[in-house]
């Protein structure tokens, strides 16, 4: 559980840093990076949730 919390904090730091980089530079590539980071986080979250469900079903 601690790993998920640490990954969530890392995600928030990355999104905040990219958002600040976009605000200071005005370069839209940072918005694309934010989109990629969020999509990756969503995919990892779905995979983790599926593993959790499979684990609960198998160990029942």
Protein backbone atom coordinates (compact mmCIF):
# COMPACT_ATOMS: atom_id res chain seq x y z
CA UNK A 1 0.00 0.00 0.00
CA UNK A 2 2.90 2.33 0.73
CA UNK A 3 4.17 1.82 -2.82
CA UNK A 4 0.89 3.04 -4.27
CA UNK A 5 0.99 6.13 -2.08
CA UNK A 6 4.58 6.88 -3.08
CA UNK A 7 3.70 6.48 -6.76
CA UNK A 8 0.74 8.81 -6.31
CA UNK A 9 2.98 11.44 -4.72
CA UNK A 10 5.49 11.04 -7.56
CA UNK A 11 2.66 11.45 -10.07
CA UNK A 12 1.44 14.64 -8.41
CA UNK A 13 4.98 16.06 -8.28
CA UNK A 14 5.56 15.24 -11.97
CA UNK A 15 2.27 16.82 -13.06
CA UNK A 16 2.89 19.91 -10.93
CA UNK A 17 6.44 20.29 -12.27
CA UNK A 18 5.29 19.93 -15.87
CA UNK A 19 2.45 22.37 -15.24
CA UNK A 20 4.86 24.93 -13.82
CA UNK A 21 7.24 24.37 -16.73
CA UNK A 22 4.38 25.10 -19.12
CA UNK A 23 3.36 28.21 -17.19
CA UNK A 24 6.89 29.63 -17.18
CA UNK A 25 7.85 28.78 -20.76
CA UNK A 26 4.51 28.76 -22.56
CA UNK A 27 5.74 25.74 -24.52
CA UNK A 28 2.81 23.42 -25.26
CA UNK A 29 5.00 20.30 -25.36
CA UNK A 30 4.77 20.19 -21.57
CA UNK A 31 1.00 19.82 -21.82
CA UNK A 32 1.60 16.80 -24.06
CA UNK A 33 3.94 15.37 -21.45
CA UNK A 34 1.27 15.84 -18.79
CA UNK A 35 -1.17 13.92 -20.98
CA UNK A 36 1.32 11.08 -21.43
CA UNK A 37 2.05 10.91 -17.70
CA UNK A 38 -1.65 10.83 -16.83
CA UNK A 39 -2.40 8.16 -19.46
CA UNK A 40 0.48 6.04 -18.17
CA UNK A 41 -0.77 6.46 -14.58
CA UNK A 42 -4.28 5.46 -15.65
CA UNK A 43 -3.03 2.32 -17.39
CA UNK A 44 -0.86 1.35 -14.41
CA UNK A 45 -3.81 1.95 -12.08
CA UNK A 46 -6.13 -0.23 -14.13
CA UNK A 47 -3.53 -3.01 -14.31
CA UNK A 48 -2.96 -2.82 -10.55
CA UNK A 49 -6.71 -2.96 -9.92
CA UNK A 50 -7.04 -6.00 -12.19
CA UNK A 51 -4.19 -7.74 -10.35
CA UNK A 52 -5.92 -6.97 -7.06
CA UNK A 53 -9.23 -8.41 -8.28
CA UNK A 54 -7.54 -11.53 -9.68
CA UNK A 55 -5.66 -12.00 -6.42
CA UNK A 56 -8.86 -11.74 -4.39
CA UNK A 57 -10.65 -14.24 -6.66
CA UNK A 58 -7.78 -16.75 -6.67
CA UNK A 59 -7.14 -16.59 -2.92
CA UNK A 60 -10.79 -16.86 -1.98
